[in-house]
PDB file of N, CA and C in Angstrom:
ATOM      1  N   MET A   1      97.820 125.088 113.108  1.00  0.00           N
ATOM      2  CA  MET A   1      96.707 125.281 113.676  1.00  0.00           C
ATOM      3  C   MET A   1      95.498 125.606 112.332  1.00  0.00           C
ATOM      4  N   ILE A   2      94.403 125.273 112.521  1.00  0.00           N
ATOM      5  CA  ILE A   2      93.401 125.401 111.633  1.00  0.00           C
ATOM      6  C   ILE A   2      92.540 126.958 111.525  1.00  0.00           C
ATOM      7  N   PRO A   3      92.706 127.592 110.430  1.00  0.00           N
ATOM      8  CA  PRO A   3      92.068 128.959 110.539  1.00  0.00           C
ATOM      9  C   PRO A   3      90.572 128.814 111.109  1.00  0.00           C
ATOM     10  N   GLU A   4      90.459 129.759 111.987  1.00  0.00           N
ATOM     11  CA  GLU A   4      88.993 129.992 112.452  1.00  0.00           C
ATOM     12  C   GLU A   4      87.864 129.779 111.164  1.00  0.00           C
ATOM     13  N   SER A   5      88.192 130.196 109.884  1.00  0.00           N
ATOM     14  CA  SER A   5      87.191 130.138 108.728  1.00  0.00           C
ATOM     15  C   SER A   5      87.036 128.691 108.214  1.00  0.00           C
ATOM     16  N   ASP A   6      88.177 127.741 108.568  1.00  0.00           N
ATOM     17  CA  ASP A   6      88.153 126.651 108.221  1.00  0.00           C
ATOM     18  C   ASP A   6      87.430 125.357 109.029  1.00  0.00           C
ATOM     19  N   LEU A   7      87.276 125.939 110.178  1.00  0.00           N
ATOM     20  CA  LEU A   7      86.793 125.193 111.507  1.00  0.00           C
ATOM     21  C   LEU A   7      85.408 124.236 110.921  1.00  0.00           C
ATOM     22  N   GLU A   8      85.455 123.078 111.232  1.00  0.00           N
ATOM     23  CA  GLU A   8      84.217 122.244 111.072  1.00  0.00           C
ATOM     24  C   GLU A   8      83.661 121.954 112.574  1.00  0.00           C
ATOM     25  N   LEU A   9      82.421 121.775 112.242  1.00  0.00           N
ATOM     26  CA  LEU A   9      81.191 121.546 113.452  1.00  0.00           C
ATOM     27  C   LEU A   9      82.062 120.477 114.670  1.00  0.00           C
ATOM     28  N   GLY A  10      82.354 120.920 116.009  1.00  0.00           N
ATOM     29  CA  GLY A  10      82.857 119.965 116.841  1.00  0.00           C
ATOM     30  C   GLY A  10      84.466 120.434 117.042  1.00  0.00           C
ATOM     31  N   GLN A  11      84.948 120.873 116.155  1.00  0.00           N
ATOM     32  CA  GLN A  11      86.429 121.277 116.150  1.00  0.00           C
ATOM     33  C   GLN A  11      86.880 122.675 117.302  1.00  0.00           C
ATOM     34  N   PHE A  12      87.886 122.586 117.820  1.00  0.00           N
ATOM     35  CA  PHE A  12      88.243 123.402 119.043  1.00  0.00           C
ATOM     36  C   PHE A  12      89.071 124.267 118.090  1.00  0.00           C
ATOM     37  N   ARG A  13      88.466 125.833 118.551  1.00  0.00           N
ATOM     38  CA  ARG A  13      89.223 127.048 118.151  1.00  0.00           C
ATOM     39  C   ARG A  13      90.607 127.169 118.813  1.00  0.00           C
ATOM     40  N   LEU A  14      91.628 127.622 118.168  1.00  0.00           N
ATOM     41  CA  LEU A  14      93.076 127.484 118.635  1.00  0.00           C
ATOM     42  C   LEU A  14      93.700 126.251 119.292  1.00  0.00           C
ATOM     43  N   LEU A  15      92.981 125.486 119.224  1.00  0.00           N
ATOM     44  CA  LEU A  15      93.265 124.050 119.609  1.00  0.00           C
ATOM     45  C   LEU A  15      93.797 122.925 118.420  1.00  0.00           C
ATOM     46  N   ASP A  16      92.842 122.909 117.534  1.00  0.00           N
ATOM     47  CA  ASP A  16      92.748 122.017 116.523  1.00  0.00           C
ATOM     48  C   ASP A  16      93.911 122.172 115.544  1.00  0.00           C
ATOM     49  N   VAL A  17      94.370 121.117 114.834  1.00  0.00           N
ATOM     50  CA  VAL A  17      95.659 121.382 114.105  1.00  0.00           C
ATOM     51  C   VAL A  17      95.073 120.810 112.702  1.00  0.00           C
ATOM     52  N   ASP A  18      95.958 120.895 111.617  1.00  0.00           N
ATOM     53  CA  ASP A  18      95.459 120.131 110.106  1.00  0.00           C
ATOM     54  C   ASP A  18      96.468 119.028 110.328  1.00  0.00           C
ATOM     55  N   ASN A  19      97.581 118.593 111.355  1.00  0.00           N
ATOM     56  CA  ASN A  19      98.338 117.435 111.112  1.00  0.00           C
ATOM     57  C   ASN A  19      98.783 117.104 112.460  1.00  0.00           C
ATOM     58  N   LYS A  20      97.824 115.843 112.719  1.00  0.00           N
ATOM     59  CA  LYS A  20      98.128 115.528 114.198  1.00  0.00           C
ATOM     60  C   LYS A  20      99.231 114.485 114.451  1.00  0.00           C
ATOM     61  N   LEU A  21      99.547 114.707 115.709  1.00  0.00           N
ATOM     62  CA  LEU A  21     100.639 113.432 115.880  1.00  0.00           C
ATOM     63  C   LEU A  21      99.804 112.042 116.268  1.00  0.00           C
ATOM     64  N   ILE A  22      99.898 111.037 115.289  1.00  0.00           N
ATOM     65  CA  ILE A  22      99.373 110.045 115.460  1.00  0.00           C
ATOM     66  C   ILE A  22     100.272 108.863 116.114  1.00  0.00           C
ATOM     67  N   ILE A  23      99.552 108.269 117.194  1.00  0.00           N
ATOM     68  CA  ILE A  23     100.551 107.125 117.771  1.00  0.00           C
ATOM     69  C   ILE A  23      99.822 106.065 118.326  1.00  0.00           C
ATOM     70  N   PRO A  24     100.522 104.555 118.317  1.00  0.00           N
ATOM     71  CA  PRO A  24      99.782 103.598 118.780  1.00  0.00           C
ATOM     72  C   PRO A  24      99.755 103.631 120.553  1.00  0.00           C
ATOM     73  N   VAL A  25      98.509 102.709 120.881  1.00  0.00           N
ATOM     74  CA  VAL A  25      98.036 102.870 122.207  1.00  0.00           C
ATOM     75  C   VAL A  25      98.784 101.640 122.721  1.00  0.00           C
ATOM     76  N   ASP A  26      99.360 101.591 124.155  1.00  0.00           N
ATOM     77  CA  ASP A  26     100.023 100.656 124.857  1.00  0.00           C
ATOM     78  C   ASP A  26     101.596 100.525 124.157  1.00  0.00           C
ATOM     79  N   CYS A  27     101.958 101.343 123.645  1.00  0.00           N
ATOM     80  CA  CYS A  27     103.507 101.120 122.874  1.00  0.00           C
ATOM     81  C   CYS A  27     104.329 102.327 123.495  1.00  0.00           C
ATOM     82  N   HIS A  28     105.708 101.757 123.902  1.00  0.00           N
ATOM     83  CA  HIS A  28     106.612 102.571 124.532  1.00  0.00           C
ATOM     84  C   HIS A  28     106.971 103.823 123.227  1.00  0.00           C
ATOM     85  N   ILE A  29     106.714 105.154 123.649  1.00  0.00           N
ATOM     86  CA  ILE A  29     106.974 106.279 122.441  1.00  0.00           C
ATOM     87  C   ILE A  29     107.806 107.011 123.133  1.00  0.00           C
ATOM     88  N   ARG A  30     108.963 107.459 122.017  1.00  0.00           N
ATOM     89  CA  ARG A  30     110.132 108.526 122.421  1.00  0.00           C
ATOM     90  C   ARG A  30     109.888 109.664 121.550  1.00  0.00           C
ATOM     91  N   LEU A  31     109.646 110.798 122.177  1.00  0.00           N
ATOM     92  CA  LEU A  31     109.674 111.978 121.389  1.00  0.00           C
ATOM     93  C   LEU A  31     111.156 112.794 121.561  1.00  0.00           C
ATOM     94  N   ILE A  32     111.455 113.129 120.497  1.00  0.00           N
ATOM     95  CA  ILE A  32     113.037 113.963 120.573  1.00  0.00           C
ATOM     96  C   ILE A  32     112.717 115.473 119.704  1.00  0.00           C
ATOM     97  N   VAL A  33     112.767 116.303 120.590  1.00  0.00           N
ATOM     98  CA  VAL A  33     112.527 117.569 119.873  1.00  0.00           C
ATOM     99  C   VAL A  33     113.888 118.609 119.930  1.00  0.00           C
ATOM    100  N   THR A  34     113.784 119.545 119.356  1.00  0.00           N
ATOM    101  CA  THR A  34     114.607 120.807 119.077  1.00  0.00           C
ATOM    102  C   THR A  34     114.047 121.856 119.039  1.00  0.00           C
ATOM    103  N   GLY A  35     114.697 123.041 119.168  1.00  0.00           N
ATOM    104  CA  GLY A  35     113.917 124.087 118.540  1.00  0.00           C
ATOM    105  C   GLY A  35     115.034 125.067 117.362  1.00  0.00           C
ATOM    106  N   ALA A  36     114.255 125.528 116.620  1.00  0.00           N
ATOM    107  CA  ALA A  36     114.867 126.092 115.282  1.00  0.00           C
ATOM    108  C   ALA A  36     114.944 127.535 115.457  1.00  0.00           C
ATOM    109  N   ASP A  37     114.444 128.101 116.647  1.00  0.00           N
ATOM    110  CA  ASP A  37     114.514 129.708 116.584  1.00  0.00           C
ATOM    111  C   ASP A  37     114.706 130.243 117.919  1.00  0.00           C
ATOM    112  N   VAL A  38     113.722 129.848 118.872  1.00  0.00           N
ATOM    113  CA  VAL A  38     113.508 130.376 120.176  1.00  0.00           C
ATOM    114  C   VAL A  38     113.416 129.149 120.955  1.00  0.00           C
ATOM    115  N   LEU A  39     113.246 129.443 122.405  1.00  0.00           N
ATOM    116  CA  LEU A  39     112.973 128.285 123.236  1.00  0.00           C
ATOM    117  C   LEU A  39     111.213 127.989 123.146  1.00  0.00           C
ATOM    118  N   HIS A  40     110.673 126.766 122.950  1.00  0.00           N
ATOM    119  CA  HIS A  40     109.516 126.359 122.965  1.00  0.00           C
ATOM    120  C   HIS A  40     109.256 125.049 123.855  1.00  0.00           C
ATOM    121  N   SER A  41     108.232 124.797 124.337  1.00  0.00           N
ATOM    122  CA  SER A  41     107.852 124.051 125.359  1.00  0.00           C
ATOM    123  C   SER A  41     106.910 122.885 124.826  1.00  0.00           C
ATOM    124  N   PHE A  42     107.115 121.647 124.525  1.00  0.00           N
ATOM    125  CA  PHE A  42     106.189 120.608 124.025  1.00  0.00           C
ATOM    126  C   PHE A  42     105.399 120.279 125.073  1.00  0.00           C
ATOM    127  N   ALA A  43     104.203 120.649 125.285  1.00  0.00           N
ATOM    128  CA  ALA A  43     103.344 119.997 126.452  1.00  0.00           C
ATOM    129  C   ALA A  43     101.975 119.695 126.286  1.00  0.00           C
ATOM    130  N   VAL A  44     101.733 118.250 126.698  1.00  0.00           N
ATOM    131  CA  VAL A  44     100.456 117.548 126.839  1.00  0.00           C
ATOM    132  C   VAL A  44     100.138 117.382 128.001  1.00  0.00           C
ATOM    133  N   PRO A  45      99.180 118.083 128.683  1.00  0.00           N
ATOM    134  CA  PRO A  45      99.253 117.557 130.194  1.00  0.00           C
ATOM    135  C   PRO A  45      98.428 116.432 130.447  1.00  0.00           C
ATOM    136  N   SER A  46      97.507 116.172 129.567  1.00  0.00           N
ATOM    137  CA  SER A  46      96.770 114.751 130.104  1.00  0.00           C
ATOM    138  C   SER A  46      97.497 113.652 129.473  1.00  0.00           C
ATOM    139  N   LEU A  47      98.463 114.184 129.019  1.00  0.00           N
ATOM    140  CA  LEU A  47      99.637 112.605 128.635  1.00  0.00           C
ATOM    141  C   LEU A  47     100.826 112.884 129.621  1.00  0.00           C
ATOM    142  N   GLY A  48     100.899 113.819 130.514  1.00  0.00           N
ATOM    143  CA  GLY A  48     101.788 113.907 131.452  1.00  0.00           C
ATOM    144  C   GLY A  48     103.123 114.441 130.680  1.00  0.00           C
ATOM    145  N   LEU A  49     103.002 115.183 129.851  1.00  0.00           N
ATOM    146  CA  LEU A  49     104.308 115.218 128.818  1.00  0.00           C
ATOM    147  C   LEU A  49     104.537 117.055 128.765  1.00  0.00           C
ATOM    148  N   LYS A  50     105.772 117.437 129.253  1.00  0.00           N
ATOM    149  CA  LYS A  50     106.262 118.553 129.158  1.00  0.00           C
ATOM    150  C   LYS A  50     107.929 118.511 128.826  1.00  0.00           C
ATOM    151  N   LEU A  51     107.927 118.913 127.531  1.00  0.00           N
ATOM    152  CA  LEU A  51     109.511 118.887 127.163  1.00  0.00           C
ATOM    153  C   LEU A  51     110.046 120.154 126.743  1.00  0.00           C
ATOM    154  N   ASP A  52     111.306 120.664 126.917  1.00  0.00           N
ATOM    155  CA  ASP A  52     111.477 121.802 126.457  1.00  0.00           C
ATOM    156  C   ASP A  52     112.067 121.753 124.914  1.00  0.00           C
ATOM    157  N   ALA A  53     112.083 122.595 123.915  1.00  0.00           N
ATOM    158  CA  ALA A  53     112.820 122.638 122.792  1.00  0.00           C
ATOM    159  C   ALA A  53     113.540 123.648 122.572  1.00  0.00           C
ATOM    160  N   VAL A  54     114.938 123.186 122.647  1.00  0.00           N
ATOM    161  CA  VAL A  54     115.849 124.425 122.771  1.00  0.00           C
ATOM    162  C   VAL A  54     116.618 124.322 121.289  1.00  0.00           C
ATOM    163  N   PRO A  55     117.091 125.496 120.751  1.00  0.00           N
ATOM    164  CA  PRO A  55     117.761 125.308 119.858  1.00  0.00           C
ATOM    165  C   PRO A  55     119.191 124.906 119.918  1.00  0.00           C
ATOM    166  N   GLY A  56     119.728 124.068 119.194  1.00  0.00           N
ATOM    167  CA  GLY A  56     120.793 123.527 119.176  1.00  0.00           C
ATOM    168  C   GLY A  56     120.943 122.389 120.118  1.00  0.00           C
ATOM    169  N   ARG A  57     119.915 122.002 120.599  1.00  0.00           N
ATOM    170  CA  ARG A  57     120.034 121.012 121.931  1.00  0.00           C
ATOM    171  C   ARG A  57     118.924 119.892 121.365  1.00  0.00           C
ATOM    172  N   LEU A  58     119.047 118.676 121.508  1.00  0.00           N
ATOM    173  CA  LEU A  58     118.111 117.505 121.608  1.00  0.00           C
ATOM    174  C   LEU A  58     117.730 117.121 122.765  1.00  0.00           C
ATOM    175  N   ASN A  59     116.394 117.263 122.984  1.00  0.00           N
ATOM    176  CA  ASN A  59     116.003 116.685 124.213  1.00  0.00           C
ATOM    177  C   ASN A  59     114.883 115.575 123.839  1.00  0.00           C
ATOM    178  N   GLN A  60     114.740 114.798 124.710  1.00  0.00           N
ATOM    179  CA  GLN A  60     113.629 113.527 124.637  1.00  0.00           C
ATOM    180  C   GLN A  60     113.110 113.072 125.659  1.00  0.00           C
ATOM    181  N   VAL A  61     111.856 112.473 125.575  1.00  0.00           N
ATOM    182  CA  VAL A  61     110.898 112.219 126.682  1.00  0.00           C
ATOM    183  C   VAL A  61     110.395 110.795 126.282  1.00  0.00           C
ATOM    184  N   SER A  62     110.102 109.731 127.047  1.00  0.00           N
ATOM    185  CA  SER A  62     109.433 108.501 126.718  1.00  0.00           C
ATOM    186  C   SER A  62     108.142 108.472 127.451  1.00  0.00           C
ATOM    187  N   PHE A  63     107.055 107.879 126.691  1.00  0.00           N
ATOM    188  CA  PHE A  63     105.733 107.768 127.515  1.00  0.00           C
ATOM    189  C   PHE A  63     105.027 106.621 126.935  1.00  0.00           C
ATOM    190  N   VAL A  64     104.058 106.354 127.413  1.00  0.00           N
ATOM    191  CA  VAL A  64     102.805 104.987 126.975  1.00  0.00           C
ATOM    192  C   VAL A  64     101.882 105.915 127.081  1.00  0.00           C
ATOM    193  N   ALA A  65     100.724 105.740 125.931  1.00  0.00           N
ATOM    194  CA  ALA A  65      99.470 106.336 126.013  1.00  0.00           C
ATOM    195  C   ALA A  65      98.653 104.888 126.407  1.00  0.00           C
ATOM    196  N   GLU A  66      97.998 104.876 127.566  1.00  0.00           N
ATOM    197  CA  GLU A  66      97.360 103.896 127.824  1.00  0.00           C
ATOM    198  C   GLU A  66      95.713 103.447 127.470  1.00  0.00           C
ATOM    199  N   ARG A  67      95.294 104.516 127.015  1.00  0.00           N
ATOM    200  CA  ARG A  67      93.928 104.580 126.357  1.00  0.00           C
ATOM    201  C   ARG A  67      94.006 105.317 125.060  1.00  0.00           C
ATOM    202  N   SER A  68      93.044 105.006 124.153  1.00  0.00           N
ATOM    203  CA  SER A  68      92.925 106.018 123.000  1.00  0.00           C
ATOM    204  C   SER A  68      92.226 106.826 123.221  1.00  0.00           C
ATOM    205  N   GLY A  69      92.199 108.001 122.215  1.00  0.00           N
ATOM    206  CA  GLY A  69      91.793 109.206 122.525  1.00  0.00           C
ATOM    207  C   GLY A  69      92.511 110.429 121.533  1.00  0.00           C
ATOM    208  N   THR A  70      91.747 111.554 121.873  1.00  0.00           N
ATOM    209  CA  THR A  70      92.727 112.993 121.516  1.00  0.00           C
ATOM    210  C   THR A  70      92.966 113.965 122.597  1.00  0.00           C
ATOM    211  N   PHE A  71      94.101 113.930 122.649  1.00  0.00           N
ATOM    212  CA  PHE A  71      94.879 114.692 123.648  1.00  0.00           C
ATOM    213  C   PHE A  71      95.388 115.873 123.071  1.00  0.00           C
ATOM    214  N   TYR A  72      95.085 117.167 123.771  1.00  0.00           N
ATOM    215  CA  TYR A  72      95.493 118.676 123.518  1.00  0.00           C
ATOM    216  C   TYR A  72      96.209 119.148 124.352  1.00  0.00           C
ATOM    217  N   GLY A  73      97.366 120.068 123.660  1.00  0.00           N
ATOM    218  CA  GLY A  73      98.232 120.601 124.326  1.00  0.00           C
ATOM    219  C   GLY A  73      98.729 121.918 123.382  1.00  0.00           C
ATOM    220  N   GLN A  74      99.830 122.444 124.188  1.00  0.00           N
ATOM    221  CA  GLN A  74     100.270 123.658 123.518  1.00  0.00           C
ATOM    222  C   GLN A  74     101.486 124.045 123.873  1.00  0.00           C
ATOM    223  N   CYS A  75     102.383 125.046 123.365  1.00  0.00           N
ATOM    224  CA  CYS A  75     103.720 125.279 123.512  1.00  0.00           C
ATOM    225  C   CYS A  75     103.158 126.216 124.933  1.00  0.00           C
ATOM    226  N   SER A  76     104.237 125.971 125.977  1.00  0.00           N
ATOM    227  CA  SER A  76     103.699 126.181 127.337  1.00  0.00           C
ATOM    228  C   SER A  76     105.260 127.064 127.744  1.00  0.00           C
ATOM    229  N   GLU A  77     105.612 127.741 126.799  1.00  0.00           N
ATOM    230  CA  GLU A  77     106.973 128.583 126.876  1.00  0.00           C
ATOM    231  C   GLU A  77     106.607 129.910 126.454  1.00  0.00           C
ATOM    232  N   ILE A  78     106.965 131.324 126.808  1.00  0.00           N
ATOM    233  CA  ILE A  78     106.622 132.374 126.268  1.00  0.00           C
ATOM    234  C   ILE A  78     107.722 132.658 125.385  1.00  0.00           C
ATOM    235  N   CYS A  79     107.435 132.208 123.863  1.00  0.00           N
ATOM    236  CA  CYS A  79     108.423 132.234 122.677  1.00  0.00           C
ATOM    237  C   CYS A  79     108.111 133.443 121.718  1.00  0.00           C
ATOM    238  N   GLY A  80     107.221 133.996 121.891  1.00  0.00           N
ATOM    239  CA  GLY A  80     107.378 135.216 120.890  1.00  0.00           C
ATOM    240  C   GLY A  80     105.507 135.622 120.908  1.00  0.00           C
ATOM    241  N   VAL A  81     105.493 136.500 119.844  1.00  0.00           N
ATOM    242  CA  VAL A  81     104.181 137.167 119.447  1.00  0.00           C
ATOM    243  C   VAL A  81     103.219 135.943 119.309  1.00  0.00           C
ATOM    244  N   TRP A  82     103.427 135.095 118.343  1.00  0.00           N
ATOM    245  CA  TRP A  82     102.472 133.976 118.132  1.00  0.00           C
ATOM    246  C   TRP A  82     102.463 132.790 119.090  1.00  0.00           C
ATOM    247  N   HIS A  83     102.955 133.087 120.340  1.00  0.00           N
ATOM    248  CA  HIS A  83     102.889 132.019 121.484  1.00  0.00           C
ATOM    249  C   HIS A  83     101.551 131.345 121.587  1.00  0.00           C
ATOM    250  N   GLY A  84     100.670 132.092 121.621  1.00  0.00           N
ATOM    251  CA  GLY A  84      99.165 131.485 122.034  1.00  0.00           C
ATOM    252  C   GLY A  84      98.622 130.511 120.971  1.00  0.00           C
ATOM    253  N   PHE A  85      99.420 130.600 119.713  1.00  0.00           N
ATOM    254  CA  PHE A  85      98.685 129.919 118.513  1.00  0.00           C
ATOM    255  C   PHE A  85      99.489 128.689 118.194  1.00  0.00           C
ATOM    256  N   MET A  86     100.222 128.202 119.292  1.00  0.00           N
ATOM    257  CA  MET A  86     100.960 127.032 118.841  1.00  0.00           C
ATOM    258  C   MET A  86     100.501 125.625 119.559  1.00  0.00           C
ATOM    259  N   PRO A  87      99.352 125.195 118.891  1.00  0.00           N
ATOM    260  CA  PRO A  87      98.764 123.895 119.414  1.00  0.00           C
ATOM    261  C   PRO A  87      99.077 122.540 119.215  1.00  0.00           C
ATOM    262  N   ILE A  88      99.189 121.775 119.774  1.00  0.00           N
ATOM    263  CA  ILE A  88      99.524 120.239 119.905  1.00  0.00           C
ATOM    264  C   ILE A  88      98.405 119.360 119.799  1.00  0.00           C
ATOM    265  N   VAL A  89      98.039 118.309 119.204  1.00  0.00           N
ATOM    266  CA  VAL A  89      97.187 117.438 119.157  1.00  0.00           C
ATOM    267  C   VAL A  89      97.783 116.083 118.943  1.00  0.00           C
ATOM    268  N   VAL A  90      97.547 115.196 119.862  1.00  0.00           N
ATOM    269  CA  VAL A  90      98.053 113.785 119.738  1.00  0.00           C
ATOM    270  C   VAL A  90      97.147 112.928 119.863  1.00  0.00           C
ATOM    271  N   GLU A  91      96.940 112.193 118.973  1.00  0.00           N
ATOM    272  CA  GLU A  91      95.801 111.227 118.790  1.00  0.00           C
ATOM    273  C   GLU A  91      96.409 109.696 118.800  1.00  0.00           C
ATOM    274  N   ALA A  92      95.885 109.194 119.947  1.00  0.00           N
ATOM    275  CA  ALA A  92      96.553 107.564 120.448  1.00  0.00           C
ATOM    276  C   ALA A  92      95.451 106.757 119.666  1.00  0.00           C
ATOM    277  N   VAL A  93      95.603 105.494 118.674  1.00  0.00           N
ATOM    278  CA  VAL A  93      94.790 105.008 118.419  1.00  0.00           C
ATOM    279  C   VAL A  93      95.030 103.552 118.331  1.00  0.00           C
ATOM    280  N   SER A  94      94.423 102.469 118.069  1.00  0.00           N
ATOM    281  CA  SER A  94      94.826 100.968 118.464  1.00  0.00           C
ATOM    282  C   SER A  94      95.804 100.530 117.447  1.00  0.00           C
ATOM    283  N   SER A  95      96.850  99.707 117.620  1.00  0.00           N
ATOM    284  CA  SER A  95      97.647  99.242 116.893  1.00  0.00           C
ATOM    285  C   SER A  95      97.166  98.882 115.387  1.00  0.00           C
ATOM    286  N   PRO A  96      96.203  98.118 115.178  1.00  0.00           N
ATOM    287  CA  PRO A  96      95.719  97.976 113.862  1.00  0.00           C
ATOM    288  C   PRO A  96      95.432  99.413 112.832  1.00  0.00           C
ATOM    289  N   ASP A  97      94.613 100.114 113.924  1.00  0.00           N
ATOM    290  CA  ASP A  97      94.194 101.652 113.247  1.00  0.00           C
ATOM    291  C   ASP A  97      95.844 102.459 112.913  1.00  0.00           C
ATOM    292  N   PHE A  98      96.573 102.223 113.881  1.00  0.00           N
ATOM    293  CA  PHE A  98      97.921 102.761 113.762  1.00  0.00           C
ATOM    294  C   PHE A  98      98.687 102.263 112.312  1.00  0.00           C
ATOM    295  N   LEU A  99      98.785 100.864 111.976  1.00  0.00           N
ATOM    296  CA  LEU A  99      99.303 100.470 110.849  1.00  0.00           C
ATOM    297  C   LEU A  99      98.470 100.823 109.662  1.00  0.00           C
ATOM    298  N   VAL A 100      97.276 101.123 109.667  1.00  0.00           N
ATOM    299  CA  VAL A 100      96.524 101.622 108.645  1.00  0.00           C
ATOM    300  C   VAL A 100      96.770 103.085 108.278  1.00  0.00           C
ATOM    301  N   TRP A 101      97.100 103.903 109.116  1.00  0.00           N
ATOM    302  CA  TRP A 101      97.418 105.087 109.190  1.00  0.00           C
ATOM    303  C   TRP A 101      98.512 105.257 108.214  1.00  0.00           C
ATOM    304  N   VAL A 102      99.869 104.622 109.122  1.00  0.00           N
ATOM    305  CA  VAL A 102     101.139 104.548 108.400  1.00  0.00           C
ATOM    306  C   VAL A 102     100.930 104.042 106.840  1.00  0.00           C
ATOM    307  N   ASP A 103     100.159 103.293 106.629  1.00  0.00           N
ATOM    308  CA  ASP A 103     100.044 102.629 105.135  1.00  0.00           C
ATOM    309  C   ASP A 103      99.519 103.906 104.362  1.00  0.00           C
ATOM    310  N   SER A 104      98.607 104.424 104.662  1.00  0.00           N
ATOM    311  CA  SER A 104      98.012 105.616 103.923  1.00  0.00           C
ATOM    312  C   SER A 104      98.838 106.739 104.241  1.00  0.00           C
ATOM    313  N   ALA A 105      99.407 106.954 105.087  1.00  0.00           N
ATOM    314  CA  ALA A 105     100.257 108.213 104.930  1.00  0.00           C
ATOM    315  C   ALA A 105     101.749 108.140 104.173  1.00  0.00           C
ATOM    316  N   SER A 106     101.974 106.823 103.792  1.00  0.00           N
ATOM    317  CA  SER A 106     103.224 106.707 103.122  1.00  0.00           C
ATOM    318  C   SER A 106     102.986 106.587 101.612  1.00  0.00           C
ATOM    319  N   SER A 107     101.725 106.578 101.250  1.00  0.00           N
ATOM    320  CA  SER A 107     101.290 106.448  99.869  1.00  0.00           C
ATOM    321  C   SER A 107     101.085 107.876  99.140  1.00  0.00           C
TER     322      SER A 107
END
């Protein structure tokens, strides 16, 4: 989560993150999640995603982003005192833009 003092104009308080999940549009995506400490729940309602992260267990979900855009979600499990501060941001981009991002992220 981006600290309130570091927010720029147009960013959402308590929803924006400094490391987004970037995915290509019209491509089958499989997420595999687990928990490290307590139960969490990876939820992005606008993509139809809700997946529990359970310590010691791998859970998976498959989906396809049918349009480009930025999709916001958050942990939807009461997981502790910082529960309200666990945002998730998924950015769906075109395949050429995704390849450019992969190239820049690997260097």
